[in-house]
C-alpha atoms as a PDB file:
ATOM      1  CA  MET A   1     139.602  10.579   4.496  1.00  0.00           C
ATOM      2  CA  LYS A   2     141.961  12.094   2.314  1.00  0.00           C
ATOM      3  CA  LYS A   3     139.035  12.905  -0.408  1.00  0.00           C
ATOM      4  CA  ILE A   4     136.847  14.445   2.271  1.00  0.00           C
ATOM      5  CA  PHE A   5     139.778  16.736   3.531  1.00  0.00           C
ATOM      6  CA  PHE A   6     140.788  17.598   0.007  1.00  0.00           C
ATOM      7  CA  SER A   7     137.385  18.340  -0.910  1.00  0.00           C
ATOM      8  CA  LEU A   8     136.661  20.488   2.113  1.00  0.00           C
ATOM      9  CA  PHE A   9     139.872  22.353   1.861  1.00  0.00           C
ATOM     10  CA  SER A  10     138.997  23.040  -1.982  1.00  0.00           C
ATOM     11  CA  ALA A  11     135.934  24.480  -1.441  1.00  0.00           C
ATOM     12  CA  LEU A  12     137.433  26.604   1.174  1.00  0.00           C
ATOM     13  CA  LEU A  13     139.996  27.730  -0.941  1.00  0.00           C
ATOM     14  CA  LEU A  14     137.589  28.603  -3.888  1.00  0.00           C
ATOM     15  CA  SER A  15     135.204  30.501  -1.339  1.00  0.00           C
ATOM     16  CA  VAL A  16     137.885  33.012  -0.413  1.00  0.00           C
ATOM     17  CA  PRO A  17     137.596  35.221  -3.502  1.00  0.00           C
ATOM     18  CA  VAL A  18     133.781  35.537  -2.942  1.00  0.00           C
ATOM     19  CA  VAL A  19     134.303  36.407   0.582  1.00  0.00           C
ATOM     20  CA  ALA A  20     136.955  39.058  -0.138  1.00  0.00           C
ATOM     21  CA  LEU A  21     134.598  40.467  -2.793  1.00  0.00           C
ATOM     22  CA  ALA A  22     131.770  40.422  -0.225  1.00  0.00           C
ATOM     23  CA  GLN A  23     133.754  42.952   1.659  1.00  0.00           C
ATOM     24  CA  THR A  24     135.368  45.386  -0.958  1.00  0.00           C
ATOM     25  CA  GLY A  25     132.551  45.218  -3.346  1.00  0.00           C
ATOM     26  CA  MET A  26     132.867  44.894  -7.225  1.00  0.00           C
ATOM     27  CA  GLN A  27     132.024  48.414  -7.806  1.00  0.00           C
ATOM     28  CA  ARG A  28     135.363  49.354  -5.618  1.00  0.00           C
ATOM     29  CA  LEU A  29     137.306  46.823  -8.054  1.00  0.00           C
ATOM     30  CA  ASN A  30     136.249  48.214 -11.310  1.00  0.00           C
ATOM     31  CA  ALA A  31     136.598  51.813 -10.621  1.00  0.00           C
ATOM     32  CA  SER A  32     138.610  54.076 -13.008  1.00  0.00           C
ATOM     33  CA  ALA A  33     140.929  56.703 -12.040  1.00  0.00           C
ATOM     34  CA  SER A  34     138.335  59.233 -12.326  1.00  0.00           C
ATOM     35  CA  GLN A  35     136.018  57.503 -10.071  1.00  0.00           C
ATOM     36  CA  SER A  36     138.590  56.782  -7.442  1.00  0.00           C
ATOM     37  CA  GLY A  37     139.502  60.435  -6.871  1.00  0.00           C
ATOM     38  CA  LEU A  38     143.233  59.727  -8.158  1.00  0.00           C
ATOM     39  CA  SER A  39     144.821  62.007 -10.347  1.00  0.00           C
ATOM     40  CA  SER A  40     144.945  61.415 -13.955  1.00  0.00           C
ATOM     41  CA  SER A  41     148.263  63.723 -14.488  1.00  0.00           C
ATOM     42  CA  PRO A  42     151.445  62.100 -15.663  1.00  0.00           C
ATOM     43  CA  ILE A  43     153.761  61.256 -12.761  1.00  0.00           C
ATOM     44  CA  TYR A  44     156.212  64.057 -13.538  1.00  0.00           C
ATOM     45  CA  SER A  45     153.578  66.452 -13.474  1.00  0.00           C
ATOM     46  CA  ILE A  46     152.568  65.239  -9.694  1.00  0.00           C
ATOM     47  CA  ILE A  47     156.173  65.295  -8.844  1.00  0.00           C
ATOM     48  CA  GLY A  48     156.715  68.937 -10.207  1.00  0.00           C
ATOM     49  CA  VAL A  49     153.682  70.183  -8.309  1.00  0.00           C
ATOM     50  CA  LEU A  50     154.864  68.362  -5.137  1.00  0.00           C
ATOM     51  CA  MET A  51     158.474  70.275  -5.724  1.00  0.00           C
ATOM     52  CA  TYR A  52     156.853  73.667  -5.888  1.00  0.00           C
ATOM     53  CA  TRP A  53     154.973  73.286  -2.851  1.00  0.00           C
ATOM     54  CA  LEU A  54     158.065  72.034  -0.719  1.00  0.00           C
ATOM     55  CA  LEU A  55     159.944  75.115  -2.341  1.00  0.00           C
ATOM     56  CA  ALA A  56     157.179  77.383  -1.010  1.00  0.00           C
ATOM     57  CA  ILE A  57     156.909  75.831   2.297  1.00  0.00           C
ATOM     58  CA  LEU A  58     160.768  76.153   2.474  1.00  0.00           C
ATOM     59  CA  GLY A  59     160.885  79.734   1.171  1.00  0.00           C
ATOM     60  CA  PHE A  60     158.071  80.876   3.677  1.00  0.00           C
ATOM     61  CA  ILE A  61     160.205  79.187   6.553  1.00  0.00           C
ATOM     62  CA  ALA A  62     163.335  80.958   5.449  1.00  0.00           C
ATOM     63  CA  ILE A  63     161.620  84.360   5.326  1.00  0.00           C
ATOM     64  CA  VAL A  64     160.508  84.003   8.780  1.00  0.00           C
ATOM     65  CA  GLY A  65     163.803  82.760   9.833  1.00  0.00           C
ATOM     66  CA  VAL A  66     165.635  85.915   8.538  1.00  0.00           C
ATOM     67  CA  VAL A  67     163.062  88.245  10.009  1.00  0.00           C
ATOM     68  CA  ILE A  68     163.141  86.356  13.419  1.00  0.00           C
END
């Protein structure tokens, strides 16, 4: 009985990656950064652009606040 349970549990455990790959697809797992839509720029460049956007938004809000 233990051998049957162990073999069924092993088969179930070994089939989990197959089911996961069937849902996501192998193409999705092997995609590079250029295919996935992610930026290939260094992280400090991305943070710099984000900081410039935040500065522009806060500057616009400040100008609107002074005018009103």
